[in-house]
Amino acid sequence: MLTAHDDSVGDDTRQHVADLRLAAAGDAQAQFRLSYAARQLVINEEADEIVASLEGLTYARLAASQGVPDALLLAADHCSHLAKVYSDCDADDCANDWAAQSIGLLEIATELLPSSNAAELMQTLNTAADMATPEIMALAKFYRAAFAPAFGAAAFA
């Protein structure tokens, strides 16, 4: 049986467990850390990229709804990755939906995040929009409107 002091349990695992408890209690920073950790696992190819991205997206959405600005960008990153994964599997409808969600979140972020990141954020949004079809942009408009109440200015007040 593992104990809290067992060396077979790494510091990262202990931190994730602590963050999970905090996140369950509504701690937005813990939710953000869990989302970021999930993204890193995907990038490092240490987790199933769909499962980890979906889990990370959930935590990012929770953190963003509590006013953590970088969580919007992290959520958009998770969505963008999911769009690529589904596109690679020729699941175009799913890929388009995830791409639209990413663009919708980036549009909200451009209005809410500090101006110090404005140029880079606008470039990211413009690049995504340039690559998107009209159908994806129409979906992005829908998602922007759907997400704005949860992630809009009220969450960041």
N, C-alpha and C. Protein backbone atom coordinates (compact mmCIF):
# COMPACT_ATOMS: atom_id res chain seq x y z
N MET A 1 0.84 -1.18 0.00
CA MET A 1 0.00 0.00 0.00
C MET A 1 0.88 1.24 0.00
N LEU A 2 0.56 2.18 -0.87
CA LEU A 2 1.33 3.41 -0.94
C LEU A 2 0.96 4.35 0.19
N THR A 3 1.94 5.03 0.69
CA THR A 3 1.70 6.04 1.72
C THR A 3 2.01 7.40 1.14
N ALA A 4 1.67 8.43 1.89
CA ALA A 4 1.93 9.80 1.44
C ALA A 4 3.42 10.06 1.28
N HIS A 5 4.25 9.23 1.92
CA HIS A 5 5.70 9.45 1.87
C HIS A 5 6.41 8.44 0.99
N ASP A 6 5.64 7.61 0.29
CA ASP A 6 6.21 6.58 -0.56
C ASP A 6 6.91 7.23 -1.75
N ASP A 7 8.17 6.85 -1.99
CA ASP A 7 8.95 7.44 -3.08
C ASP A 7 8.43 7.06 -4.45
N SER A 8 7.60 6.01 -4.56
CA SER A 8 7.09 5.61 -5.87
C SER A 8 6.03 6.59 -6.39
N VAL A 9 5.54 7.46 -5.53
CA VAL A 9 4.59 8.48 -5.94
C VAL A 9 5.37 9.77 -6.13
N GLY A 10 5.40 10.27 -7.36
CA GLY A 10 6.19 11.46 -7.65
C GLY A 10 5.54 12.74 -7.16
N ASP A 11 6.36 13.78 -7.12
CA ASP A 11 5.87 15.10 -6.69
C ASP A 11 4.77 15.61 -7.61
N ASP A 12 4.89 15.34 -8.92
CA ASP A 12 3.86 15.78 -9.86
C ASP A 12 2.52 15.14 -9.54
N THR A 13 2.55 13.85 -9.23
CA THR A 13 1.31 13.14 -8.90
C THR A 13 0.71 13.70 -7.63
N ARG A 14 1.53 13.94 -6.63
CA ARG A 14 1.02 14.52 -5.39
C ARG A 14 0.40 15.89 -5.64
N GLN A 15 1.05 16.70 -6.50
CA GLN A 15 0.51 18.03 -6.81
C GLN A 15 -0.81 17.91 -7.55
N HIS A 16 -0.91 16.96 -8.49
CA HIS A 16 -2.16 16.78 -9.23
C HIS A 16 -3.30 16.37 -8.31
N VAL A 17 -3.00 15.49 -7.36
CA VAL A 17 -4.02 15.06 -6.41
C VAL A 17 -4.46 16.24 -5.54
N ALA A 18 -3.50 17.03 -5.09
CA ALA A 18 -3.83 18.21 -4.29
C ALA A 18 -4.66 19.19 -5.11
N ASP A 19 -4.25 19.40 -6.37
CA ASP A 19 -4.99 20.30 -7.24
C ASP A 19 -6.39 19.78 -7.55
N LEU A 20 -6.52 18.48 -7.69
CA LEU A 20 -7.84 17.90 -7.94
C LEU A 20 -8.79 18.20 -6.79
N ARG A 21 -8.29 18.07 -5.58
CA ARG A 21 -9.12 18.39 -4.41
C ARG A 21 -9.49 19.86 -4.39
N LEU A 22 -8.52 20.72 -4.67
CA LEU A 22 -8.79 22.16 -4.69
C LEU A 22 -9.75 22.52 -5.84
N ALA A 23 -9.54 21.91 -7.00
CA ALA A 23 -10.40 22.19 -8.16
C ALA A 23 -11.83 21.78 -7.87
N ALA A 24 -12.00 20.64 -7.20
CA ALA A 24 -13.34 20.17 -6.85
C ALA A 24 -14.05 21.14 -5.92
N ALA A 25 -13.27 21.88 -5.15
CA ALA A 25 -13.84 22.87 -4.23
C ALA A 25 -14.00 24.23 -4.90
N GLY A 26 -13.67 24.31 -6.20
CA GLY A 26 -13.89 25.54 -6.95
C GLY A 26 -12.67 26.44 -7.09
N ASP A 27 -11.50 25.98 -6.75
CA ASP A 27 -10.28 26.79 -6.86
C ASP A 27 -9.90 26.95 -8.33
N ALA A 28 -10.03 28.14 -8.85
CA ALA A 28 -9.80 28.41 -10.27
C ALA A 28 -8.34 28.21 -10.67
N GLN A 29 -7.41 28.56 -9.80
CA GLN A 29 -6.00 28.38 -10.14
C GLN A 29 -5.64 26.90 -10.21
N ALA A 30 -6.22 26.08 -9.33
CA ALA A 30 -6.00 24.63 -9.39
C ALA A 30 -6.61 24.06 -10.67
N GLN A 31 -7.76 24.56 -11.06
CA GLN A 31 -8.39 24.12 -12.31
C GLN A 31 -7.48 24.46 -13.49
N PHE A 32 -6.92 25.66 -13.46
CA PHE A 32 -6.00 26.07 -14.53
C PHE A 32 -4.76 25.18 -14.55
N ARG A 33 -4.19 24.90 -13.39
CA ARG A 33 -2.99 24.05 -13.33
C ARG A 33 -3.28 22.65 -13.88
N LEU A 34 -4.44 22.09 -13.54
CA LEU A 34 -4.80 20.78 -14.06
C LEU A 34 -4.97 20.81 -15.58
N SER A 35 -5.56 21.87 -16.10
CA SER A 35 -5.73 22.01 -17.54
C SER A 35 -4.37 22.11 -18.23
N TYR A 36 -3.50 22.92 -17.65
CA TYR A 36 -2.15 23.09 -18.20
C TYR A 36 -1.38 21.76 -18.16
N ALA A 37 -1.51 21.03 -17.05
CA ALA A 37 -0.83 19.74 -16.93
C ALA A 37 -1.34 18.76 -18.00
N ALA A 38 -2.63 18.77 -18.24
CA ALA A 38 -3.20 17.90 -19.28
C ALA A 38 -2.63 18.27 -20.65
N ARG A 39 -2.51 19.56 -20.91
CA ARG A 39 -1.96 20.01 -22.20
C ARG A 39 -0.51 19.54 -22.35
N GLN A 40 0.26 19.66 -21.27
CA GLN A 40 1.65 19.23 -21.32
C GLN A 40 1.77 17.73 -21.55
N LEU A 41 0.88 16.96 -20.95
CA LEU A 41 0.89 15.51 -21.18
C LEU A 41 0.64 15.19 -22.64
N VAL A 42 -0.26 15.94 -23.26
CA VAL A 42 -0.54 15.73 -24.69
C VAL A 42 0.67 16.12 -25.52
N ILE A 43 1.23 17.27 -25.24
CA ILE A 43 2.40 17.74 -26.00
C ILE A 43 3.55 16.76 -25.88
N ASN A 44 3.74 16.22 -24.68
CA ASN A 44 4.84 15.28 -24.44
C ASN A 44 4.50 13.85 -24.84
N GLU A 45 3.31 13.66 -25.43
CA GLU A 45 2.84 12.35 -25.88
C GLU A 45 2.84 11.33 -24.74
N GLU A 46 2.41 11.78 -23.56
CA GLU A 46 2.35 10.93 -22.38
C GLU A 46 0.93 10.57 -21.99
N ALA A 47 -0.04 10.98 -22.81
CA ALA A 47 -1.44 10.71 -22.50
C ALA A 47 -2.21 10.59 -23.81
N ASP A 48 -3.34 9.94 -23.74
CA ASP A 48 -4.23 9.89 -24.90
C ASP A 48 -4.63 11.31 -25.24
N GLU A 49 -4.37 11.74 -26.46
CA GLU A 49 -4.56 13.14 -26.77
C GLU A 49 -6.01 13.60 -26.78
N ILE A 50 -6.94 12.73 -27.07
CA ILE A 50 -8.35 13.14 -27.02
C ILE A 50 -8.82 13.22 -25.58
N VAL A 51 -8.57 12.17 -24.82
CA VAL A 51 -9.03 12.14 -23.43
C VAL A 51 -8.40 13.28 -22.63
N ALA A 52 -7.10 13.43 -22.72
CA ALA A 52 -6.42 14.48 -21.96
C ALA A 52 -6.84 15.87 -22.41
N SER A 53 -7.05 16.05 -23.71
CA SER A 53 -7.48 17.37 -24.20
C SER A 53 -8.89 17.69 -23.72
N LEU A 54 -9.78 16.71 -23.75
CA LEU A 54 -11.14 16.96 -23.26
C LEU A 54 -11.15 17.26 -21.76
N GLU A 55 -10.37 16.50 -21.01
CA GLU A 55 -10.30 16.76 -19.58
C GLU A 55 -9.70 18.13 -19.32
N GLY A 56 -8.62 18.44 -20.01
CA GLY A 56 -7.99 19.75 -19.87
C GLY A 56 -8.92 20.88 -20.26
N LEU A 57 -9.70 20.67 -21.31
CA LEU A 57 -10.66 21.68 -21.76
C LEU A 57 -11.70 21.95 -20.68
N THR A 58 -12.17 20.89 -20.04
CA THR A 58 -13.16 21.06 -18.97
C THR A 58 -12.60 21.92 -17.85
N TYR A 59 -11.39 21.61 -17.42
CA TYR A 59 -10.77 22.41 -16.35
C TYR A 59 -10.52 23.86 -16.81
N ALA A 60 -10.10 24.03 -18.05
CA ALA A 60 -9.88 25.39 -18.56
C ALA A 60 -11.17 26.19 -18.60
N ARG A 61 -12.26 25.56 -19.02
CA ARG A 61 -13.55 26.25 -19.04
C ARG A 61 -13.98 26.66 -17.64
N LEU A 62 -13.78 25.76 -16.67
CA LEU A 62 -14.14 26.11 -15.29
C LEU A 62 -13.30 27.28 -14.79
N ALA A 63 -12.02 27.26 -15.06
CA ALA A 63 -11.15 28.35 -14.61
C ALA A 63 -11.50 29.66 -15.32
N ALA A 64 -11.78 29.58 -16.61
CA ALA A 64 -12.14 30.79 -17.37
C ALA A 64 -13.44 31.39 -16.86
N SER A 65 -14.38 30.53 -16.48
CA SER A 65 -15.66 31.05 -15.99
C SER A 65 -15.52 31.75 -14.64
N GLN A 66 -14.37 31.54 -13.99
CA GLN A 66 -14.10 32.22 -12.72
C GLN A 66 -13.12 33.38 -12.90
N GLY A 67 -12.81 33.72 -14.13
CA GLY A 67 -12.02 34.91 -14.37
C GLY A 67 -10.53 34.73 -14.52
N VAL A 68 -10.06 33.52 -14.80
CA VAL A 68 -8.63 33.30 -15.05
C VAL A 68 -8.39 33.54 -16.54
N PRO A 69 -7.81 34.69 -16.88
CA PRO A 69 -7.71 35.08 -18.30
C PRO A 69 -6.96 34.07 -19.18
N ASP A 70 -5.85 33.56 -18.69
CA ASP A 70 -5.08 32.63 -19.52
C ASP A 70 -5.82 31.32 -19.78
N ALA A 71 -6.83 31.04 -18.99
CA ALA A 71 -7.61 29.83 -19.20
C ALA A 71 -8.37 29.88 -20.53
N LEU A 72 -8.75 31.06 -20.96
CA LEU A 72 -9.40 31.18 -22.28
C LEU A 72 -8.46 30.73 -23.39
N LEU A 73 -7.22 31.15 -23.30
CA LEU A 73 -6.25 30.77 -24.33
C LEU A 73 -5.94 29.28 -24.26
N LEU A 74 -5.86 28.76 -23.05
CA LEU A 74 -5.60 27.33 -22.88
C LEU A 74 -6.78 26.52 -23.41
N ALA A 75 -7.99 26.97 -23.16
CA ALA A 75 -9.18 26.29 -23.70
C ALA A 75 -9.15 26.31 -25.22
N ALA A 76 -8.81 27.46 -25.80
CA ALA A 76 -8.72 27.56 -27.26
C ALA A 76 -7.64 26.62 -27.80
N ASP A 77 -6.54 26.50 -27.07
CA ASP A 77 -5.46 25.60 -27.49
C ASP A 77 -5.93 24.14 -27.46
N HIS A 78 -6.63 23.75 -26.40
CA HIS A 78 -7.18 22.39 -26.34
C HIS A 78 -8.12 22.15 -27.52
N CYS A 79 -9.00 23.10 -27.81
CA CYS A 79 -9.95 22.95 -28.92
C CYS A 79 -9.23 22.86 -30.26
N SER A 80 -8.23 23.68 -30.44
CA SER A 80 -7.46 23.67 -31.67
C SER A 80 -6.77 22.32 -31.87
N HIS A 81 -6.23 21.78 -30.80
CA HIS A 81 -5.60 20.47 -30.89
C HIS A 81 -6.62 19.39 -31.24
N LEU A 82 -7.77 19.45 -30.60
CA LEU A 82 -8.83 18.48 -30.92
C LEU A 82 -9.24 18.59 -32.39
N ALA A 83 -9.29 19.80 -32.91
CA ALA A 83 -9.62 19.98 -34.33
C ALA A 83 -8.60 19.26 -35.21
N LYS A 84 -7.33 19.38 -34.87
CA LYS A 84 -6.29 18.71 -35.65
C LYS A 84 -6.41 17.19 -35.54
N VAL A 85 -6.63 16.69 -34.33
CA VAL A 85 -6.74 15.24 -34.13
C VAL A 85 -7.89 14.68 -34.96
N TYR A 86 -9.04 15.34 -34.89
CA TYR A 86 -10.20 14.84 -35.64
C TYR A 86 -10.02 15.01 -37.14
N SER A 87 -9.35 16.06 -37.56
CA SER A 87 -9.06 16.24 -38.97
C SER A 87 -8.14 15.13 -39.48
N ASP A 88 -7.14 14.79 -38.68
CA ASP A 88 -6.22 13.71 -39.05
C ASP A 88 -6.95 12.37 -39.19
N CYS A 89 -8.07 12.23 -38.50
CA CYS A 89 -8.88 10.99 -38.57
C CYS A 89 -9.97 11.10 -39.64
N ASP A 90 -9.95 12.17 -40.42
CA ASP A 90 -10.97 12.43 -41.44
C ASP A 90 -12.37 12.57 -40.87
N ALA A 91 -12.47 13.00 -39.62
CA ALA A 91 -13.77 13.29 -38.99
C ALA A 91 -13.99 14.80 -39.12
N ASP A 92 -14.29 15.22 -40.34
CA ASP A 92 -14.31 16.64 -40.66
C ASP A 92 -15.36 17.44 -39.90
N ASP A 93 -16.54 16.87 -39.68
CA ASP A 93 -17.56 17.61 -38.94
C ASP A 93 -17.08 17.91 -37.52
N CYS A 94 -16.50 16.92 -36.88
CA CYS A 94 -15.97 17.14 -35.52
C CYS A 94 -14.81 18.13 -35.55
N ALA A 95 -13.94 17.98 -36.52
CA ALA A 95 -12.79 18.88 -36.64
C ALA A 95 -13.26 20.32 -36.81
N ASN A 96 -14.25 20.52 -37.67
CA ASN A 96 -14.77 21.87 -37.90
C ASN A 96 -15.40 22.45 -36.63
N ASP A 97 -16.10 21.61 -35.89
CA ASP A 97 -16.72 22.06 -34.66
C ASP A 97 -15.66 22.51 -33.65
N TRP A 98 -14.62 21.71 -33.47
CA TRP A 98 -13.56 22.09 -32.53
C TRP A 98 -12.82 23.34 -32.99
N ALA A 99 -12.59 23.46 -34.29
CA ALA A 99 -11.92 24.66 -34.80
C ALA A 99 -12.78 25.90 -34.54
N ALA A 100 -14.07 25.76 -34.73
CA ALA A 100 -14.99 26.88 -34.47
C ALA A 100 -15.00 27.27 -33.00
N GLN A 101 -14.97 26.27 -32.12
CA GLN A 101 -14.93 26.58 -30.69
C GLN A 101 -13.65 27.34 -30.35
N SER A 102 -12.54 26.92 -30.93
CA SER A 102 -11.26 27.60 -30.70
C SER A 102 -11.33 29.06 -31.14
N ILE A 103 -11.85 29.28 -32.32
CA ILE A 103 -11.95 30.65 -32.83
C ILE A 103 -12.89 31.49 -31.98
N GLY A 104 -14.02 30.92 -31.59
CA GLY A 104 -14.96 31.64 -30.73
C GLY A 104 -14.31 32.07 -29.42
N LEU A 105 -13.54 31.17 -28.81
CA LEU A 105 -12.84 31.49 -27.57
C LEU A 105 -11.76 32.55 -27.79
N LEU A 106 -11.05 32.45 -28.90
CA LEU A 106 -10.03 33.47 -29.21
C LEU A 106 -10.67 34.85 -29.41
N GLU A 107 -11.84 34.88 -30.03
CA GLU A 107 -12.53 36.16 -30.22
C GLU A 107 -12.89 36.78 -28.87
N ILE A 108 -13.37 35.98 -27.94
CA ILE A 108 -13.69 36.49 -26.61
C ILE A 108 -12.41 36.97 -25.93
N ALA A 109 -11.36 36.19 -26.05
CA ALA A 109 -10.08 36.55 -25.41
C ALA A 109 -9.54 37.87 -25.92
N THR A 110 -9.70 38.16 -27.22
CA THR A 110 -9.18 39.42 -27.77
C THR A 110 -9.84 40.63 -27.13
N GLU A 111 -11.08 40.45 -26.68
CA GLU A 111 -11.78 41.56 -26.05
C GLU A 111 -11.44 41.71 -24.57
N LEU A 112 -10.99 40.63 -23.93
CA LEU A 112 -10.86 40.63 -22.48
C LEU A 112 -9.43 40.68 -21.96
N LEU A 113 -8.49 40.17 -22.72
CA LEU A 113 -7.14 40.04 -22.20
C LEU A 113 -6.38 41.36 -22.31
N PRO A 114 -5.35 41.51 -21.49
CA PRO A 114 -4.59 42.76 -21.48
C PRO A 114 -4.02 43.12 -22.84
N SER A 115 -3.90 44.39 -23.06
CA SER A 115 -3.42 44.88 -24.35
C SER A 115 -1.98 44.49 -24.62
N SER A 116 -1.22 44.10 -23.60
CA SER A 116 0.17 43.70 -23.82
C SER A 116 0.26 42.46 -24.71
N ASN A 117 -0.77 41.65 -24.72
CA ASN A 117 -0.79 40.45 -25.56
C ASN A 117 -1.63 40.65 -26.82
N ALA A 118 -2.15 41.83 -27.02
CA ALA A 118 -3.14 42.06 -28.08
C ALA A 118 -2.61 41.72 -29.47
N ALA A 119 -1.41 42.17 -29.80
CA ALA A 119 -0.89 41.96 -31.15
C ALA A 119 -0.70 40.47 -31.43
N GLU A 120 -0.12 39.74 -30.49
CA GLU A 120 0.10 38.30 -30.69
C GLU A 120 -1.22 37.54 -30.75
N LEU A 121 -2.14 37.93 -29.89
CA LEU A 121 -3.45 37.27 -29.87
C LEU A 121 -4.21 37.53 -31.16
N MET A 122 -4.18 38.76 -31.64
CA MET A 122 -4.86 39.08 -32.91
C MET A 122 -4.24 38.31 -34.07
N GLN A 123 -2.91 38.15 -34.04
CA GLN A 123 -2.25 37.39 -35.10
C GLN A 123 -2.71 35.94 -35.09
N THR A 124 -2.80 35.36 -33.89
CA THR A 124 -3.27 33.98 -33.75
C THR A 124 -4.70 33.85 -34.26
N LEU A 125 -5.56 34.79 -33.86
CA LEU A 125 -6.95 34.77 -34.30
C LEU A 125 -7.04 34.94 -35.82
N ASN A 126 -6.30 35.88 -36.37
CA ASN A 126 -6.34 36.12 -37.82
C ASN A 126 -5.86 34.90 -38.60
N THR A 127 -4.82 34.25 -38.10
CA THR A 127 -4.31 33.04 -38.76
C THR A 127 -5.37 31.95 -38.76
N ALA A 128 -5.99 31.74 -37.60
CA ALA A 128 -7.04 30.72 -37.50
C ALA A 128 -8.21 31.05 -38.41
N ALA A 129 -8.61 32.31 -38.43
CA ALA A 129 -9.74 32.72 -39.26
C ALA A 129 -9.41 32.59 -40.75
N ASP A 130 -8.18 32.91 -41.12
CA ASP A 130 -7.78 32.79 -42.53
C ASP A 130 -7.83 31.34 -43.01
N MET A 131 -7.56 30.41 -42.12
CA MET A 131 -7.55 28.99 -42.49
C MET A 131 -8.94 28.37 -42.42
N ALA A 132 -9.89 29.07 -41.84
CA ALA A 132 -11.22 28.52 -41.62
C ALA A 132 -12.12 28.72 -42.84
N THR A 133 -13.03 27.79 -43.01
CA THR A 133 -14.04 27.90 -44.06
C THR A 133 -15.15 28.83 -43.58
N PRO A 134 -16.00 29.28 -44.48
CA PRO A 134 -17.15 30.08 -44.06
C PRO A 134 -18.05 29.34 -43.06
N GLU A 135 -18.16 28.03 -43.23
CA GLU A 135 -18.98 27.24 -42.30
C GLU A 135 -18.38 27.26 -40.89
N ILE A 136 -17.06 27.14 -40.81
CA ILE A 136 -16.40 27.19 -39.50
C ILE A 136 -16.58 28.57 -38.88
N MET A 137 -16.47 29.61 -39.67
CA MET A 137 -16.63 30.96 -39.13
C MET A 137 -18.06 31.20 -38.65
N ALA A 138 -19.04 30.63 -39.34
CA ALA A 138 -20.43 30.74 -38.88
C ALA A 138 -20.60 30.01 -37.54
N LEU A 139 -20.00 28.83 -37.42
CA LEU A 139 -20.03 28.10 -36.15
C LEU A 139 -19.30 28.88 -35.06
N ALA A 140 -18.18 29.51 -35.41
CA ALA A 140 -17.42 30.29 -34.44
C ALA A 140 -18.26 31.44 -33.88
N LYS A 141 -19.05 32.05 -34.75
CA LYS A 141 -19.94 33.12 -34.31
C LYS A 141 -20.96 32.58 -33.30
N PHE A 142 -21.50 31.40 -33.59
CA PHE A 142 -22.43 30.74 -32.68
C PHE A 142 -21.76 30.46 -31.33
N TYR A 143 -20.56 29.87 -31.37
CA TYR A 143 -19.88 29.53 -30.11
C TYR A 143 -19.47 30.78 -29.34
N ARG A 144 -19.06 31.81 -30.02
CA ARG A 144 -18.71 33.05 -29.34
C ARG A 144 -19.91 33.56 -28.55
N ALA A 145 -21.07 33.57 -29.18
CA ALA A 145 -22.28 34.03 -28.50
C ALA A 145 -22.68 33.09 -27.36
N ALA A 146 -22.48 31.80 -27.56
CA ALA A 146 -22.84 30.83 -26.52
C ALA A 146 -21.91 30.92 -25.32
N PHE A 147 -20.61 31.11 -25.57
CA PHE A 147 -19.62 31.15 -24.50
C PHE A 147 -19.53 32.51 -23.81
N ALA A 148 -19.88 33.57 -24.48
CA ALA A 148 -19.69 34.92 -23.92
C ALA A 148 -20.32 35.10 -22.54
N PRO A 149 -21.52 34.60 -22.27
CA PRO A 149 -22.07 34.78 -20.92
C PRO A 149 -21.22 34.12 -19.83
N ALA A 150 -20.62 32.98 -20.13
CA ALA A 150 -19.81 32.29 -19.13
C ALA A 150 -18.41 32.84 -19.03
N PHE A 151 -17.84 33.22 -20.16
CA PHE A 151 -16.44 33.64 -20.18
C PHE A 151 -16.26 35.11 -20.49
N GLY A 152 -17.36 35.84 -20.59
CA GLY A 152 -17.31 37.24 -20.98
C GLY A 152 -16.84 38.15 -19.86
N ALA A 153 -17.05 39.42 -20.05
CA ALA A 153 -16.56 40.46 -19.16
C ALA A 153 -16.99 40.24 -17.70
N ALA A 154 -18.18 39.69 -17.49
CA ALA A 154 -18.65 39.48 -16.11
C ALA A 154 -17.75 38.52 -15.35
N ALA A 155 -17.19 37.53 -16.03
CA ALA A 155 -16.29 36.58 -15.38
C ALA A 155 -14.97 37.23 -14.99
N PHE A 156 -14.62 38.31 -15.67
CA PHE A 156 -13.33 38.95 -15.46
C PHE A 156 -13.45 40.27 -14.71
N ALA A 157 -14.63 40.52 -14.17
CA ALA A 157 -14.85 41.78 -13.43
C ALA A 157 -14.26 41.71 -12.04
